[in-house]
Structure formats: structure tokens, C-alpha cells
């Protein structure tokens, strides 16, 4: 039968000289229990940080999935609108052919609509697509040009020519 005798743990004074033992802020030696509590608190904090990081990663993945779904829905909506515009342009071309008027405008509208559909389906604008029209802001009249023109008051003061 095995011995039931267990060796006793050495006392702190036996294992470490008093001068080399760590001391607490109060000047007394730090006990094994205090060190264990500090390690446990550090382990809890580390575990909490890992949990926070995991939650952040999961939330970011969820946000990315939602963003991708919203982008896909917006793309599908844009494609559907572009296809409707193409159908209207085709009808305009047919109408222009039947009536013999407005064919260049209808063809240009069809070309723009077809290029938009192809761009949305393939991701690239076709080489034959018309360049987008950049609208410039309306030109503002110069202050000098306005000053040279007679005002409505001056026009009223002049005698009417017979």
C-alpha cells in the first residue's frame, strides 16, 4: 500500500531568503495567494480582450456581408432600370423608323442605353460607347458686362421713339 505521507510545502522563509523575497507596496512580503490572484486577474483580462476582439471580428464580418448584400441589391436595381431604359429606347427607334423623324436622336439614345446595360452586366464600358456628356455650369455674367447694359430704370426714362 502506498504511503500517505505527503511532503510539507516549504515555508517562504525556508525557500527564499528574506532579502530576496518580493515585497508588496506596504513593505510586507507578497504571499503566494496574492501572486496567484494577480495571475488570475491578468488571465481574466486577457480572456476579456480576446472575447472583445472576437466580437469585433464577428461584427465586422456581419457588416461586410450586409454591405455586400446592399451593393448587390443596388446593382440589380440599376441593371433592371438600365434594361427598362433600353426597352424604351428600342421602342423610340421603332417609332422613329415608322414615322421617318427623329431617327438620329433615337439611335443615340439606344446606343447610350445599350452601353449602360453592357457596362452593368460585364463591368466594362464597351469601346463603341459614346463618351459621357459633362455638363458645365451656366456662365455667370460679368459685373462689367452688367454695368454696361442699361437698367430697366434707364430704359423707362428714355423718350419713346415714334
N, C-alpha and C. Protein backbone atom coordinates (compact mmCIF):
# COMPACT_ATOMS: atom_id res chain seq x y z
N UNK A 1 0.83 -1.16 0.00
CA UNK A 1 0.00 0.00 0.00
C UNK A 1 0.89 1.25 0.00
N UNK A 2 0.48 2.28 -0.81
CA UNK A 2 1.33 3.46 -0.89
C UNK A 2 1.31 4.27 0.39
N UNK A 3 2.34 4.99 0.54
CA UNK A 3 2.47 5.81 1.74
C UNK A 3 1.52 7.00 1.65
N UNK A 4 0.93 7.37 2.73
CA UNK A 4 0.02 8.52 2.75
C UNK A 4 0.75 9.77 3.19
N UNK A 5 1.98 9.63 3.43
CA UNK A 5 2.75 10.77 3.87
C UNK A 5 3.03 11.69 2.69
N UNK A 6 2.64 12.92 2.81
CA UNK A 6 2.90 13.92 1.77
C UNK A 6 3.90 14.91 2.31
N UNK A 7 4.84 15.30 1.46
CA UNK A 7 5.81 16.26 1.97
C UNK A 7 5.14 17.61 2.19
N UNK A 8 5.56 18.29 3.21
CA UNK A 8 5.02 19.61 3.51
C UNK A 8 5.64 20.63 2.57
N UNK A 9 4.83 21.63 2.24
CA UNK A 9 5.35 22.73 1.42
C UNK A 9 6.34 23.53 2.26
N UNK A 10 7.43 23.92 1.65
CA UNK A 10 8.38 24.72 2.42
C UNK A 10 7.78 26.07 2.76
N UNK A 11 8.10 26.59 3.87
CA UNK A 11 7.63 27.92 4.25
C UNK A 11 8.40 28.95 3.46
N UNK A 12 7.83 30.13 3.26
CA UNK A 12 8.52 31.14 2.46
C UNK A 12 9.91 31.46 3.01
N UNK A 13 10.09 31.41 4.26
CA UNK A 13 11.40 31.74 4.81
C UNK A 13 12.42 30.66 4.52
N UNK A 14 11.94 29.42 4.33
CA UNK A 14 12.86 28.34 4.04
C UNK A 14 13.29 28.35 2.57
N UNK A 15 12.37 28.69 1.65
CA UNK A 15 12.68 28.60 0.23
C UNK A 15 13.43 29.82 -0.29
N UNK A 16 13.06 30.99 0.15
CA UNK A 16 13.67 32.21 -0.37
C UNK A 16 14.17 33.03 0.80
N UNK A 17 15.39 33.52 0.71
CA UNK A 17 15.87 34.38 1.79
C UNK A 17 15.00 35.62 1.90
N UNK A 18 14.88 36.17 3.06
CA UNK A 18 14.00 37.32 3.32
C UNK A 18 14.42 38.52 2.50
N UNK A 19 15.67 38.71 2.24
CA UNK A 19 16.13 39.87 1.49
C UNK A 19 15.71 39.77 0.02
N UNK A 20 15.63 38.57 -0.54
CA UNK A 20 15.32 38.40 -1.96
C UNK A 20 13.83 38.26 -2.22
N UNK A 21 13.00 38.12 -1.22
CA UNK A 21 11.56 37.93 -1.41
C UNK A 21 10.94 39.22 -1.91
N UNK A 22 9.98 39.13 -2.88
CA UNK A 22 9.31 40.35 -3.35
C UNK A 22 8.46 40.94 -2.24
N UNK A 23 8.31 42.23 -2.29
CA UNK A 23 7.58 42.92 -1.24
C UNK A 23 6.41 43.69 -1.85
N UNK A 24 5.32 43.75 -1.14
CA UNK A 24 4.15 44.50 -1.57
C UNK A 24 4.38 45.98 -1.32
N UNK A 25 3.44 46.79 -1.73
CA UNK A 25 3.56 48.23 -1.57
C UNK A 25 3.63 48.61 -0.09
N UNK A 26 3.02 47.81 0.76
CA UNK A 26 3.02 48.11 2.19
C UNK A 26 4.34 47.70 2.84
N UNK A 27 5.23 47.06 2.13
CA UNK A 27 6.51 46.67 2.67
C UNK A 27 6.54 45.27 3.19
N UNK A 28 5.44 44.58 3.18
CA UNK A 28 5.41 43.21 3.64
C UNK A 28 5.65 42.28 2.46
N UNK A 29 6.12 41.08 2.69
CA UNK A 29 6.37 40.15 1.58
C UNK A 29 5.07 39.75 0.88
N UNK A 30 5.14 39.56 -0.46
CA UNK A 30 3.98 39.15 -1.25
C UNK A 30 3.80 37.66 -1.06
N UNK A 31 2.60 37.28 -0.75
CA UNK A 31 2.33 35.85 -0.50
C UNK A 31 2.01 35.14 -1.80
N UNK A 32 2.01 33.81 -1.75
CA UNK A 32 1.68 33.01 -2.91
C UNK A 32 0.24 33.26 -3.36
N UNK A 33 -0.63 33.49 -2.42
CA UNK A 33 -2.04 33.74 -2.74
C UNK A 33 -2.18 35.04 -3.52
N UNK A 34 -1.47 36.06 -3.13
CA UNK A 34 -1.54 37.34 -3.83
C UNK A 34 -1.01 37.21 -5.25
N UNK A 35 0.10 36.48 -5.40
CA UNK A 35 0.64 36.26 -6.75
C UNK A 35 -0.35 35.47 -7.60
N UNK A 36 -0.96 34.47 -7.01
CA UNK A 36 -1.96 33.69 -7.74
C UNK A 36 -3.15 34.56 -8.15
N UNK A 37 -3.58 35.44 -7.26
CA UNK A 37 -4.69 36.35 -7.57
C UNK A 37 -4.32 37.30 -8.71
N UNK A 38 -3.08 37.79 -8.70
CA UNK A 38 -2.64 38.69 -9.76
C UNK A 38 -2.60 37.96 -11.10
N UNK A 39 -2.11 36.73 -11.09
CA UNK A 39 -2.07 35.94 -12.33
C UNK A 39 -3.49 35.65 -12.81
N UNK A 40 -4.38 35.34 -11.90
CA UNK A 40 -5.76 35.07 -12.26
C UNK A 40 -6.43 36.31 -12.85
N UNK A 41 -6.19 37.47 -12.23
CA UNK A 41 -6.75 38.72 -12.75
C UNK A 41 -6.19 39.03 -14.14
N UNK A 42 -4.89 38.79 -14.35
CA UNK A 42 -4.30 39.02 -15.65
C UNK A 42 -4.89 38.07 -16.69
N UNK A 43 -5.12 36.82 -16.30
CA UNK A 43 -5.71 35.84 -17.21
C UNK A 43 -7.15 36.24 -17.56
N UNK A 44 -7.90 36.73 -16.59
CA UNK A 44 -9.27 37.19 -16.86
C UNK A 44 -9.27 38.36 -17.83
N UNK A 45 -8.37 39.31 -17.63
CA UNK A 45 -8.30 40.48 -18.51
C UNK A 45 -7.92 40.06 -19.93
N UNK A 46 -6.97 39.15 -20.04
CA UNK A 46 -6.56 38.67 -21.36
C UNK A 46 -7.72 37.95 -22.05
N UNK A 47 -8.46 37.15 -21.30
CA UNK A 47 -9.61 36.45 -21.84
C UNK A 47 -10.68 37.45 -22.30
N UNK A 48 -10.90 38.49 -21.52
CA UNK A 48 -11.88 39.51 -21.89
C UNK A 48 -11.46 40.23 -23.17
N UNK A 49 -10.16 40.52 -23.30
CA UNK A 49 -9.67 41.18 -24.52
C UNK A 49 -9.86 40.28 -25.73
N UNK A 50 -9.58 39.00 -25.59
CA UNK A 50 -9.77 38.07 -26.71
C UNK A 50 -11.25 37.97 -27.09
N UNK A 51 -12.13 37.97 -26.08
CA UNK A 51 -13.57 37.93 -26.36
C UNK A 51 -14.01 39.19 -27.10
N UNK A 52 -13.50 40.35 -26.68
CA UNK A 52 -13.85 41.61 -27.36
C UNK A 52 -13.35 41.58 -28.81
N UNK A 53 -12.14 41.09 -29.02
CA UNK A 53 -11.60 41.00 -30.38
C UNK A 53 -12.44 40.07 -31.24
N UNK A 54 -12.86 38.95 -30.68
CA UNK A 54 -13.71 38.01 -31.42
C UNK A 54 -15.06 38.64 -31.78
N UNK A 55 -15.64 39.36 -30.82
CA UNK A 55 -16.92 40.03 -31.09
C UNK A 55 -16.76 41.09 -32.18
N UNK A 56 -15.65 41.84 -32.14
CA UNK A 56 -15.41 42.87 -33.16
C UNK A 56 -15.25 42.23 -34.53
N UNK A 57 -14.51 41.12 -34.61
CA UNK A 57 -14.34 40.44 -35.89
C UNK A 57 -15.67 39.93 -36.41
N UNK A 58 -16.49 39.36 -35.54
CA UNK A 58 -17.79 38.86 -35.95
C UNK A 58 -18.69 40.00 -36.43
N UNK A 59 -18.66 41.13 -35.74
CA UNK A 59 -19.47 42.28 -36.15
C UNK A 59 -18.99 42.84 -37.48
N UNK A 60 -17.69 42.89 -37.67
CA UNK A 60 -17.13 43.38 -38.92
C UNK A 60 -17.52 42.46 -40.07
N UNK A 61 -17.46 41.15 -39.85
CA UNK A 61 -17.86 40.20 -40.89
C UNK A 61 -19.34 40.37 -41.22
N UNK A 62 -20.15 40.58 -40.20
CA UNK A 62 -21.59 40.78 -40.40
C UNK A 62 -21.85 42.07 -41.19
N UNK A 63 -21.13 43.14 -40.84
CA UNK A 63 -21.27 44.41 -41.55
C UNK A 63 -20.83 44.27 -43.00
N UNK A 64 -19.72 43.56 -43.24
CA UNK A 64 -19.25 43.35 -44.61
C UNK A 64 -20.27 42.57 -45.44
N UNK A 65 -20.87 41.55 -44.83
CA UNK A 65 -21.88 40.77 -45.52
C UNK A 65 -23.10 41.63 -45.85
N UNK A 66 -23.51 42.45 -44.90
CA UNK A 66 -24.66 43.32 -45.15
C UNK A 66 -24.35 44.35 -46.24
N UNK A 67 -23.13 44.89 -46.23
CA UNK A 67 -22.73 45.87 -47.25
C UNK A 67 -22.71 45.21 -48.63
N UNK A 68 -22.16 44.00 -48.70
CA UNK A 68 -22.12 43.30 -49.99
C UNK A 68 -23.53 43.01 -50.50
N UNK A 69 -24.43 42.62 -49.59
CA UNK A 69 -25.81 42.35 -49.99
C UNK A 69 -26.49 43.63 -50.48
N UNK A 70 -26.24 44.73 -49.81
CA UNK A 70 -26.82 46.01 -50.24
C UNK A 70 -26.25 46.43 -51.59
N UNK A 71 -24.95 46.24 -51.79
CA UNK A 71 -24.34 46.57 -53.08
C UNK A 71 -24.91 45.71 -54.20
N UNK A 72 -25.10 44.42 -53.91
CA UNK A 72 -25.67 43.52 -54.92
C UNK A 72 -27.10 43.92 -55.25
N UNK A 73 -27.88 44.29 -54.25
CA UNK A 73 -29.26 44.71 -54.49
C UNK A 73 -29.30 46.01 -55.30
N UNK A 74 -28.40 46.94 -54.98
CA UNK A 74 -28.34 48.20 -55.72
C UNK A 74 -27.93 47.94 -57.18
N UNK A 75 -26.97 47.03 -57.37
CA UNK A 75 -26.53 46.70 -58.73
C UNK A 75 -27.67 46.06 -59.52
N UNK A 76 -28.40 45.16 -58.89
CA UNK A 76 -29.53 44.52 -59.56
C UNK A 76 -30.60 45.54 -59.93
N UNK A 77 -30.85 46.51 -59.04
CA UNK A 77 -31.82 47.55 -59.32
C UNK A 77 -31.35 48.44 -60.47
N UNK A 78 -30.06 48.81 -60.47
CA UNK A 78 -29.51 49.61 -61.56
C UNK A 78 -29.62 48.87 -62.90
N UNK A 79 -29.34 47.58 -62.88
CA UNK A 79 -29.41 46.79 -64.11
C UNK A 79 -30.85 46.71 -64.60
N UNK A 80 -31.78 46.55 -63.69
CA UNK A 80 -33.19 46.49 -64.10
C UNK A 80 -33.63 47.83 -64.70
N UNK A 81 -33.23 48.93 -64.10
CA UNK A 81 -33.57 50.25 -64.64
C UNK A 81 -32.92 50.46 -66.01
N UNK A 82 -31.68 50.02 -66.16
CA UNK A 82 -30.99 50.17 -67.44
C UNK A 82 -31.68 49.34 -68.52
N UNK A 83 -32.15 48.15 -68.18
CA UNK A 83 -32.86 47.32 -69.16
C UNK A 83 -34.18 47.96 -69.56
N UNK A 84 -34.87 48.57 -68.59
CA UNK A 84 -36.11 49.29 -68.93
C UNK A 84 -35.83 50.46 -69.86
N UNK A 85 -34.74 51.19 -69.58
CA UNK A 85 -34.36 52.31 -70.44
C UNK A 85 -34.03 51.82 -71.85
N UNK A 86 -33.38 50.65 -71.94
CA UNK A 86 -33.07 50.08 -73.25
C UNK A 86 -34.35 49.72 -74.00
N UNK A 87 -35.31 49.14 -73.29
CA UNK A 87 -36.59 48.81 -73.93
C UNK A 87 -37.28 50.06 -74.45
N UNK A 88 -37.26 51.14 -73.66
CA UNK A 88 -37.86 52.40 -74.12
C UNK A 88 -37.12 52.95 -75.33
N UNK A 89 -35.79 52.80 -75.34
CA UNK A 89 -35.01 53.30 -76.47
C UNK A 89 -35.31 52.49 -77.73
N UNK A 90 -35.48 51.19 -77.59
CA UNK A 90 -35.81 50.35 -78.74
C UNK A 90 -37.18 50.76 -79.29
N UNK A 91 -38.12 51.00 -78.41
CA UNK A 91 -39.45 51.46 -78.85
C UNK A 91 -39.35 52.81 -79.56
N UNK A 92 -38.49 53.70 -79.06
CA UNK A 92 -38.32 55.00 -79.70
C UNK A 92 -37.72 54.85 -81.09
N UNK A 93 -36.78 53.91 -81.26
CA UNK A 93 -36.19 53.67 -82.58
C UNK A 93 -37.25 53.12 -83.53
N UNK A 94 -38.07 52.19 -83.06
CA UNK A 94 -39.15 51.65 -83.90
C UNK A 94 -40.12 52.74 -84.31
N UNK A 95 -40.47 53.58 -83.35
CA UNK A 95 -41.40 54.68 -83.64
C UNK A 95 -40.78 55.65 -84.65
N UNK A 96 -39.50 55.94 -84.49
CA UNK A 96 -38.83 56.86 -85.40
C UNK A 96 -38.76 56.27 -86.81
N UNK A 97 -38.54 54.98 -86.93
CA UNK A 97 -38.50 54.33 -88.25
C UNK A 97 -39.86 54.39 -88.92
N UNK A 98 -40.92 54.18 -88.14
CA UNK A 98 -42.26 54.19 -88.71
C UNK A 98 -42.66 55.58 -89.18
N UNK A 99 -42.29 56.61 -88.43
CA UNK A 99 -42.70 57.96 -88.76
C UNK A 99 -41.66 58.71 -89.58
N UNK A 100 -40.46 58.18 -89.69
CA UNK A 100 -39.44 58.81 -90.51
C UNK A 100 -38.85 60.07 -89.91
N UNK A 101 -39.04 60.31 -88.63
CA UNK A 101 -38.50 61.52 -87.99
C UNK A 101 -37.79 61.12 -86.69
N UNK A 102 -36.73 61.83 -86.36
CA UNK A 102 -36.06 61.66 -85.08
C UNK A 102 -35.22 60.40 -84.97
N UNK A 103 -34.82 59.85 -86.10
CA UNK A 103 -34.06 58.61 -86.04
C UNK A 103 -32.66 58.80 -85.45
N UNK A 104 -31.92 59.85 -85.77
CA UNK A 104 -30.58 60.00 -85.17
C UNK A 104 -30.63 60.13 -83.65
N UNK A 105 -31.61 60.87 -83.15
CA UNK A 105 -31.74 61.02 -81.70
C UNK A 105 -32.11 59.69 -81.04
N UNK A 106 -33.02 58.95 -81.66
CA UNK A 106 -33.43 57.66 -81.12
C UNK A 106 -32.26 56.67 -81.15
N UNK A 107 -31.48 56.69 -82.23
CA UNK A 107 -30.32 55.80 -82.31
C UNK A 107 -29.29 56.15 -81.23
N UNK A 108 -29.08 57.43 -81.01
CA UNK A 108 -28.12 57.86 -79.98
C UNK A 108 -28.61 57.44 -78.60
N UNK A 109 -29.91 57.56 -78.36
CA UNK A 109 -30.48 57.14 -77.07
C UNK A 109 -30.33 55.63 -76.88
N UNK A 110 -30.57 54.86 -77.97
CA UNK A 110 -30.41 53.41 -77.90
C UNK A 110 -28.96 53.03 -77.60
N UNK A 111 -28.03 53.73 -78.25
CA UNK A 111 -26.62 53.43 -78.06
C UNK A 111 -26.20 53.65 -76.60
N UNK A 112 -26.65 54.74 -76.02
CA UNK A 112 -26.33 55.04 -74.62
C UNK A 112 -26.94 53.99 -73.71
N UNK A 113 -28.19 53.63 -73.94
CA UNK A 113 -28.88 52.65 -73.09
C UNK A 113 -28.23 51.27 -73.22
N UNK A 114 -27.89 50.87 -74.43
CA UNK A 114 -27.27 49.56 -74.63
C UNK A 114 -25.89 49.51 -73.99
N UNK A 115 -25.13 50.58 -74.09
CA UNK A 115 -23.80 50.64 -73.47
C UNK A 115 -23.91 50.54 -71.95
N UNK A 116 -24.92 51.17 -71.38
CA UNK A 116 -25.11 51.12 -69.93
C UNK A 116 -25.44 49.69 -69.48
N UNK A 117 -26.31 49.00 -70.22
CA UNK A 117 -26.66 47.62 -69.87
C UNK A 117 -25.41 46.73 -69.95
N UNK A 118 -24.63 46.88 -71.01
CA UNK A 118 -23.42 46.07 -71.16
C UNK A 118 -22.43 46.38 -70.05
N UNK A 119 -22.31 47.65 -69.69
CA UNK A 119 -21.39 48.02 -68.61
C UNK A 119 -21.81 47.39 -67.29
N UNK A 120 -23.10 47.38 -67.00
CA UNK A 120 -23.57 46.79 -65.75
C UNK A 120 -23.45 45.27 -65.75
N UNK A 121 -23.61 44.65 -66.91
CA UNK A 121 -23.52 43.19 -66.98
C UNK A 121 -22.09 42.69 -66.95
N UNK A 122 -21.18 43.39 -67.62
CA UNK A 122 -19.80 42.92 -67.74
C UNK A 122 -18.82 43.65 -66.83
N UNK A 123 -19.19 44.84 -66.42
CA UNK A 123 -18.28 45.63 -65.59
C UNK A 123 -17.39 46.55 -66.39
N UNK A 124 -17.46 46.49 -67.72
CA UNK A 124 -16.64 47.35 -68.57
C UNK A 124 -17.52 48.06 -69.58
N UNK A 125 -17.19 49.31 -69.85
CA UNK A 125 -17.90 50.08 -70.86
C UNK A 125 -17.41 49.63 -72.23
N UNK A 126 -18.31 49.33 -73.17
CA UNK A 126 -17.85 48.89 -74.50
C UNK A 126 -17.06 49.99 -75.20
N UNK A 127 -16.20 49.59 -76.10
CA UNK A 127 -15.34 50.56 -76.79
C UNK A 127 -16.14 51.49 -77.69
N UNK A 128 -17.27 51.05 -78.19
CA UNK A 128 -18.08 51.85 -79.10
C UNK A 128 -19.03 52.79 -78.37
N UNK A 129 -19.05 52.71 -77.06
CA UNK A 129 -20.00 53.52 -76.28
C UNK A 129 -19.67 55.00 -76.41
N UNK A 130 -20.71 55.82 -76.50
CA UNK A 130 -20.47 57.27 -76.56
C UNK A 130 -19.90 57.77 -75.24
N UNK A 131 -19.07 58.78 -75.34
CA UNK A 131 -18.46 59.35 -74.14
C UNK A 131 -19.54 60.07 -73.34
N UNK A 132 -19.47 59.99 -72.00
CA UNK A 132 -20.47 60.68 -71.19
C UNK A 132 -20.36 62.19 -71.37
N UNK A 133 -21.50 62.84 -71.40
CA UNK A 133 -21.54 64.28 -71.58
C UNK A 133 -21.36 64.94 -70.23
N UNK A 134 -20.39 65.84 -70.14
CA UNK A 134 -20.14 66.56 -68.90
C UNK A 134 -20.78 67.93 -69.04
N UNK A 135 -21.75 68.17 -68.18
CA UNK A 135 -22.44 69.45 -68.24
C UNK A 135 -21.65 70.49 -67.45
N UNK A 136 -21.41 71.62 -68.11
CA UNK A 136 -20.69 72.71 -67.45
C UNK A 136 -21.71 73.65 -66.82
N UNK A 137 -21.35 74.26 -65.71
CA UNK A 137 -22.29 75.20 -65.10
C UNK A 137 -22.55 76.39 -66.02
N UNK A 138 -23.74 76.95 -65.90
CA UNK A 138 -24.10 78.09 -66.73
C UNK A 138 -23.15 79.25 -66.45
N UNK A 139 -22.77 79.92 -67.52
CA UNK A 139 -21.82 81.03 -67.39
C UNK A 139 -22.49 82.19 -66.66
N UNK A 140 -21.80 82.72 -65.68
CA UNK A 140 -22.30 83.85 -64.92
C UNK A 140 -21.91 85.13 -65.66
N UNK A 141 -22.84 86.08 -65.78
CA UNK A 141 -22.49 87.32 -66.46
C UNK A 141 -21.45 88.09 -65.64
N UNK A 142 -20.54 88.72 -66.35
CA UNK A 142 -19.52 89.53 -65.69
C UNK A 142 -20.15 90.78 -65.11
N UNK A 143 -19.56 91.28 -64.04
CA UNK A 143 -20.07 92.50 -63.42
C UNK A 143 -19.92 93.69 -64.37
N UNK A 144 -18.82 93.70 -65.16
CA UNK A 144 -18.60 94.81 -66.09
C UNK A 144 -19.64 94.79 -67.20
N UNK A 145 -19.98 93.60 -67.70
CA UNK A 145 -20.96 93.49 -68.78
C UNK A 145 -22.33 93.95 -68.28
N UNK A 146 -22.65 93.65 -67.05
CA UNK A 146 -23.93 94.07 -66.49
C UNK A 146 -23.93 95.58 -66.29
N UNK A 147 -22.81 96.16 -65.91
CA UNK A 147 -22.74 97.60 -65.68
C UNK A 147 -22.87 98.36 -66.98
N UNK A 148 -22.43 97.80 -68.12
CA UNK A 148 -22.51 98.50 -69.40
C UNK A 148 -23.92 98.50 -69.96
N UNK A 149 -24.72 97.54 -69.61
CA UNK A 149 -26.08 97.46 -70.12
C UNK A 149 -26.97 98.44 -69.36
N UNK A 150 -27.90 99.07 -70.06
CA UNK A 150 -28.80 100.00 -69.36
C UNK A 150 -29.76 99.23 -68.46
N UNK A 151 -30.07 99.80 -67.33
CA UNK A 151 -31.01 99.18 -66.41
C UNK A 151 -32.42 99.45 -66.86
N UNK A 152 -33.37 98.77 -66.28
CA UNK A 152 -34.77 98.97 -66.66
C UNK A 152 -35.22 100.38 -66.30
N UNK A 153 -34.63 100.99 -65.27
CA UNK A 153 -34.96 102.36 -64.87
C UNK A 153 -34.52 103.32 -65.97
N UNK A 154 -33.31 103.10 -66.51
CA UNK A 154 -32.80 103.98 -67.56
C UNK A 154 -33.62 103.82 -68.82
N UNK A 155 -34.08 102.62 -69.12
CA UNK A 155 -34.89 102.40 -70.30
C UNK A 155 -36.23 103.11 -70.18
N UNK A 156 -36.79 103.16 -68.99
CA UNK A 156 -38.08 103.83 -68.79
C UNK A 156 -37.94 105.34 -68.92
N UNK A 157 -36.77 105.89 -68.56
CA UNK A 157 -36.56 107.34 -68.61
C UNK A 157 -36.38 107.86 -70.02
N UNK A 158 -35.97 107.04 -70.95
CA UNK A 158 -35.73 107.50 -72.32
C UNK A 158 -37.07 107.72 -73.01
N UNK A 159 -37.12 108.75 -73.85
CA UNK A 159 -38.37 109.01 -74.58
C UNK A 159 -38.60 107.91 -75.60
N UNK A 160 -39.84 107.60 -75.79
CA UNK A 160 -40.20 106.56 -76.75
C UNK A 160 -39.99 107.08 -78.16
N UNK A 161 -39.41 106.29 -79.01
CA UNK A 161 -39.16 106.69 -80.39
C UNK A 161 -40.46 106.51 -81.18
N UNK A 162 -40.79 107.55 -81.99
CA UNK A 162 -42.02 107.49 -82.80
C UNK A 162 -41.75 106.97 -84.15
